[in-house]
Amino acid sequence: MAAKEEVKEAIDVSNLNDNFNEIVLFNDDVNTFDHVIETLVATCNHSYEQAEQCSILVHYKGKCSVKTGPYSDLKPRCSKLLEAGLSAEII
């Protein structure tokens, strides 16, 4: 019977939390699909198809995560979404 060997590796968890923030876009009854799609393409660097899929998810599910990354990158993007009249927050 072979002996099991445990390998423990130290990892720096301080950087892990920075990459787990996300911008969540919420559904509203005001903005058109075209406006949401154009805003996601311009603000979050989505392809047209990706932005279209996100807008459909937001419409039917009520919300959708549209961008993940460090908080410092997401804050200005979320601000631009809010300035465009969309409902979004960083979680």
N, C-alpha and C. Protein backbone atom coordinates (compact mmCIF):
# COMPACT_ATOMS: atom_id res chain seq x y z
N MET A 1 0.84 -1.17 0.00
CA MET A 1 0.00 0.00 0.00
C MET A 1 0.89 1.24 0.00
N ALA A 2 0.64 2.14 -0.92
CA ALA A 2 1.47 3.34 -1.06
C ALA A 2 1.07 4.38 -0.01
N ALA A 3 2.05 5.09 0.47
CA ALA A 3 1.80 6.15 1.45
C ALA A 3 1.35 7.41 0.72
N LYS A 4 0.39 8.13 1.32
CA LYS A 4 -0.10 9.37 0.73
C LYS A 4 0.80 10.51 1.20
N GLU A 5 1.12 11.37 0.28
CA GLU A 5 1.96 12.52 0.61
C GLU A 5 1.13 13.78 0.47
N GLU A 6 1.12 14.58 1.51
CA GLU A 6 0.40 15.84 1.47
C GLU A 6 1.35 16.96 1.12
N VAL A 7 0.92 17.79 0.20
CA VAL A 7 1.72 18.94 -0.18
C VAL A 7 0.92 20.19 0.17
N LYS A 8 1.49 21.01 0.99
CA LYS A 8 0.84 22.26 1.36
C LYS A 8 1.62 23.39 0.73
N GLU A 9 0.88 24.30 0.13
CA GLU A 9 1.50 25.42 -0.54
C GLU A 9 0.89 26.70 -0.01
N ALA A 10 1.73 27.64 0.34
CA ALA A 10 1.25 28.92 0.82
C ALA A 10 0.88 29.79 -0.38
N ILE A 11 -0.30 30.41 -0.31
CA ILE A 11 -0.70 31.32 -1.37
C ILE A 11 -1.04 32.67 -0.75
N ASP A 12 -0.85 33.69 -1.53
CA ASP A 12 -1.16 35.05 -1.07
C ASP A 12 -2.63 35.33 -1.39
N VAL A 13 -3.47 35.36 -0.35
CA VAL A 13 -4.89 35.56 -0.54
C VAL A 13 -5.28 37.02 -0.60
N SER A 14 -4.36 37.93 -0.35
CA SER A 14 -4.71 39.35 -0.37
C SER A 14 -5.09 39.81 -1.77
N ASN A 15 -4.53 39.19 -2.80
CA ASN A 15 -4.86 39.57 -4.17
C ASN A 15 -6.09 38.85 -4.71
N LEU A 16 -6.48 37.76 -4.07
CA LEU A 16 -7.63 36.99 -4.56
C LEU A 16 -8.93 37.77 -4.47
N ASN A 17 -9.13 38.50 -3.40
CA ASN A 17 -10.38 39.23 -3.21
C ASN A 17 -10.55 40.35 -4.23
N ASP A 18 -9.45 40.91 -4.72
CA ASP A 18 -9.54 41.98 -5.71
C ASP A 18 -10.18 41.52 -7.01
N ASN A 19 -10.02 40.26 -7.36
CA ASN A 19 -10.50 39.77 -8.64
C ASN A 19 -11.90 39.17 -8.57
N PHE A 20 -12.52 39.21 -7.41
CA PHE A 20 -13.84 38.61 -7.28
C PHE A 20 -14.95 39.63 -7.15
N ASN A 21 -14.68 40.86 -7.50
CA ASN A 21 -15.73 41.88 -7.56
C ASN A 21 -16.42 41.75 -8.92
N GLU A 22 -17.68 42.15 -8.95
CA GLU A 22 -18.39 42.10 -10.22
C GLU A 22 -19.41 43.23 -10.30
N ILE A 23 -19.64 43.67 -11.52
CA ILE A 23 -20.71 44.64 -11.77
C ILE A 23 -21.95 43.84 -12.13
N VAL A 24 -23.02 44.11 -11.39
CA VAL A 24 -24.30 43.46 -11.67
C VAL A 24 -25.23 44.51 -12.26
N LEU A 25 -25.79 44.20 -13.42
CA LEU A 25 -26.73 45.07 -14.09
C LEU A 25 -28.14 44.57 -13.78
N PHE A 26 -29.03 45.51 -13.44
CA PHE A 26 -30.40 45.15 -13.06
C PHE A 26 -31.40 45.60 -14.12
N ASN A 27 -32.50 44.88 -14.20
CA ASN A 27 -33.55 45.19 -15.16
C ASN A 27 -34.29 46.47 -14.75
N ASP A 28 -34.77 47.19 -15.74
CA ASP A 28 -35.64 48.34 -15.49
C ASP A 28 -36.66 48.41 -16.62
N ASP A 29 -37.62 49.26 -16.47
CA ASP A 29 -38.67 49.41 -17.49
C ASP A 29 -38.45 50.65 -18.35
N VAL A 30 -37.26 51.22 -18.29
CA VAL A 30 -37.00 52.50 -18.95
C VAL A 30 -36.13 52.35 -20.19
N ASN A 31 -35.02 51.64 -20.06
CA ASN A 31 -34.02 51.58 -21.14
C ASN A 31 -34.36 50.54 -22.19
N THR A 32 -34.03 50.85 -23.43
CA THR A 32 -34.27 49.93 -24.54
C THR A 32 -33.13 48.92 -24.63
N PHE A 33 -33.38 47.83 -25.31
CA PHE A 33 -32.33 46.84 -25.54
C PHE A 33 -31.15 47.48 -26.26
N ASP A 34 -31.43 48.30 -27.26
CA ASP A 34 -30.35 48.94 -28.02
C ASP A 34 -29.47 49.81 -27.15
N HIS A 35 -30.10 50.58 -26.25
CA HIS A 35 -29.32 51.45 -25.36
C HIS A 35 -28.44 50.61 -24.42
N VAL A 36 -28.99 49.55 -23.86
CA VAL A 36 -28.23 48.69 -22.95
C VAL A 36 -27.06 48.05 -23.70
N ILE A 37 -27.32 47.53 -24.88
CA ILE A 37 -26.29 46.87 -25.68
C ILE A 37 -25.17 47.85 -26.02
N GLU A 38 -25.53 49.02 -26.54
CA GLU A 38 -24.52 50.02 -26.91
C GLU A 38 -23.70 50.46 -25.70
N THR A 39 -24.34 50.60 -24.55
CA THR A 39 -23.64 51.02 -23.35
C THR A 39 -22.68 49.94 -22.86
N LEU A 40 -23.09 48.68 -22.90
CA LEU A 40 -22.21 47.59 -22.49
C LEU A 40 -21.01 47.45 -23.42
N VAL A 41 -21.22 47.64 -24.71
CA VAL A 41 -20.12 47.57 -25.67
C VAL A 41 -19.11 48.69 -25.38
N ALA A 42 -19.61 49.89 -25.16
CA ALA A 42 -18.72 51.04 -24.93
C ALA A 42 -18.06 51.01 -23.56
N THR A 43 -18.78 50.59 -22.55
CA THR A 43 -18.30 50.70 -21.17
C THR A 43 -17.54 49.46 -20.69
N CYS A 44 -18.03 48.29 -21.03
CA CYS A 44 -17.45 47.04 -20.52
C CYS A 44 -16.63 46.29 -21.55
N ASN A 45 -16.45 46.88 -22.72
CA ASN A 45 -15.68 46.25 -23.81
C ASN A 45 -16.27 44.91 -24.24
N HIS A 46 -17.60 44.80 -24.18
CA HIS A 46 -18.26 43.58 -24.65
C HIS A 46 -18.29 43.58 -26.17
N SER A 47 -18.35 42.38 -26.75
CA SER A 47 -18.69 42.28 -28.17
C SER A 47 -20.18 42.55 -28.28
N TYR A 48 -20.65 42.81 -29.48
CA TYR A 48 -22.08 43.07 -29.65
C TYR A 48 -22.90 41.86 -29.18
N GLU A 49 -22.44 40.66 -29.54
CA GLU A 49 -23.17 39.45 -29.19
C GLU A 49 -23.21 39.25 -27.67
N GLN A 50 -22.09 39.50 -27.00
CA GLN A 50 -22.04 39.35 -25.55
C GLN A 50 -22.97 40.36 -24.87
N ALA A 51 -22.96 41.59 -25.35
CA ALA A 51 -23.84 42.62 -24.78
C ALA A 51 -25.30 42.27 -25.01
N GLU A 52 -25.60 41.73 -26.18
CA GLU A 52 -26.97 41.33 -26.48
C GLU A 52 -27.43 40.21 -25.55
N GLN A 53 -26.57 39.23 -25.32
CA GLN A 53 -26.91 38.13 -24.41
C GLN A 53 -27.13 38.64 -22.99
N CYS A 54 -26.27 39.56 -22.55
CA CYS A 54 -26.43 40.13 -21.20
C CYS A 54 -27.76 40.87 -21.09
N SER A 55 -28.12 41.62 -22.12
CA SER A 55 -29.37 42.38 -22.06
C SER A 55 -30.58 41.45 -22.00
N ILE A 56 -30.50 40.33 -22.69
CA ILE A 56 -31.59 39.35 -22.65
C ILE A 56 -31.68 38.70 -21.26
N LEU A 57 -30.52 38.35 -20.70
CA LEU A 57 -30.51 37.79 -19.34
C LEU A 57 -31.08 38.76 -18.33
N VAL A 58 -30.70 40.03 -18.43
CA VAL A 58 -31.21 41.05 -17.52
C VAL A 58 -32.72 41.16 -17.66
N HIS A 59 -33.20 41.13 -18.88
CA HIS A 59 -34.64 41.27 -19.12
C HIS A 59 -35.43 40.12 -18.50
N TYR A 60 -34.95 38.89 -18.70
CA TYR A 60 -35.72 37.73 -18.24
C TYR A 60 -35.40 37.28 -16.81
N LYS A 61 -34.17 37.48 -16.37
CA LYS A 61 -33.78 37.03 -15.03
C LYS A 61 -33.78 38.15 -14.00
N GLY A 62 -33.81 39.40 -14.46
CA GLY A 62 -33.83 40.53 -13.53
C GLY A 62 -32.48 41.14 -13.25
N LYS A 63 -31.41 40.36 -13.49
CA LYS A 63 -30.07 40.88 -13.28
C LYS A 63 -29.06 39.98 -13.99
N CYS A 64 -27.85 40.52 -14.17
CA CYS A 64 -26.80 39.76 -14.83
C CYS A 64 -25.45 40.37 -14.44
N SER A 65 -24.49 39.53 -14.19
CA SER A 65 -23.12 40.00 -13.95
C SER A 65 -22.51 40.34 -15.30
N VAL A 66 -22.08 41.59 -15.47
CA VAL A 66 -21.59 42.03 -16.78
C VAL A 66 -20.09 42.23 -16.84
N LYS A 67 -19.42 42.31 -15.69
CA LYS A 67 -17.97 42.49 -15.69
C LYS A 67 -17.41 42.08 -14.34
N THR A 68 -16.29 41.36 -14.33
CA THR A 68 -15.61 41.00 -13.10
C THR A 68 -14.19 41.54 -13.14
N GLY A 69 -13.62 41.72 -11.98
CA GLY A 69 -12.25 42.19 -11.91
C GLY A 69 -11.98 42.95 -10.64
N PRO A 70 -10.84 43.63 -10.60
CA PRO A 70 -10.50 44.41 -9.41
C PRO A 70 -11.42 45.62 -9.26
N TYR A 71 -11.70 45.97 -8.04
CA TYR A 71 -12.60 47.09 -7.74
C TYR A 71 -12.16 48.37 -8.44
N SER A 72 -10.85 48.61 -8.47
CA SER A 72 -10.34 49.84 -9.08
C SER A 72 -10.67 49.93 -10.57
N ASP A 73 -10.82 48.80 -11.24
CA ASP A 73 -11.21 48.79 -12.66
C ASP A 73 -12.73 48.91 -12.82
N LEU A 74 -13.47 48.32 -11.89
CA LEU A 74 -14.92 48.29 -12.01
C LEU A 74 -15.60 49.60 -11.62
N LYS A 75 -15.02 50.33 -10.68
CA LYS A 75 -15.67 51.55 -10.18
C LYS A 75 -15.94 52.56 -11.30
N PRO A 76 -14.96 52.92 -12.14
CA PRO A 76 -15.29 53.87 -13.21
C PRO A 76 -16.26 53.31 -14.25
N ARG A 77 -16.20 52.02 -14.49
CA ARG A 77 -17.13 51.40 -15.45
C ARG A 77 -18.56 51.45 -14.91
N CYS A 78 -18.71 51.13 -13.63
CA CYS A 78 -20.04 51.17 -13.02
C CYS A 78 -20.59 52.59 -13.02
N SER A 79 -19.73 53.56 -12.76
CA SER A 79 -20.15 54.96 -12.78
C SER A 79 -20.66 55.36 -14.16
N LYS A 80 -19.99 54.88 -15.21
CA LYS A 80 -20.43 55.18 -16.58
C LYS A 80 -21.78 54.53 -16.88
N LEU A 81 -21.98 53.32 -16.38
CA LEU A 81 -23.28 52.66 -16.57
C LEU A 81 -24.38 53.45 -15.88
N LEU A 82 -24.10 53.92 -14.67
CA LEU A 82 -25.09 54.71 -13.93
C LEU A 82 -25.37 56.04 -14.62
N GLU A 83 -24.32 56.67 -15.15
CA GLU A 83 -24.49 57.95 -15.87
C GLU A 83 -25.34 57.76 -17.13
N ALA A 84 -25.26 56.56 -17.71
CA ALA A 84 -26.05 56.26 -18.92
C ALA A 84 -27.50 55.91 -18.58
N GLY A 85 -27.84 55.93 -17.28
CA GLY A 85 -29.22 55.66 -16.87
C GLY A 85 -29.51 54.21 -16.56
N LEU A 86 -28.50 53.36 -16.55
CA LEU A 86 -28.71 51.96 -16.23
C LEU A 86 -28.62 51.76 -14.72
N SER A 87 -29.19 50.68 -14.24
CA SER A 87 -29.16 50.35 -12.83
C SER A 87 -28.13 49.25 -12.61
N ALA A 88 -27.04 49.61 -11.89
CA ALA A 88 -25.95 48.65 -11.69
C ALA A 88 -25.30 48.90 -10.34
N GLU A 89 -24.63 47.87 -9.84
CA GLU A 89 -23.86 48.01 -8.61
C GLU A 89 -22.70 47.04 -8.61
N ILE A 90 -21.69 47.34 -7.82
CA ILE A 90 -20.53 46.46 -7.66
C ILE A 90 -20.75 45.62 -6.41
N ILE A 91 -20.60 44.32 -6.57
CA ILE A 91 -20.71 43.43 -5.39
C ILE A 91 -19.44 42.62 -5.27
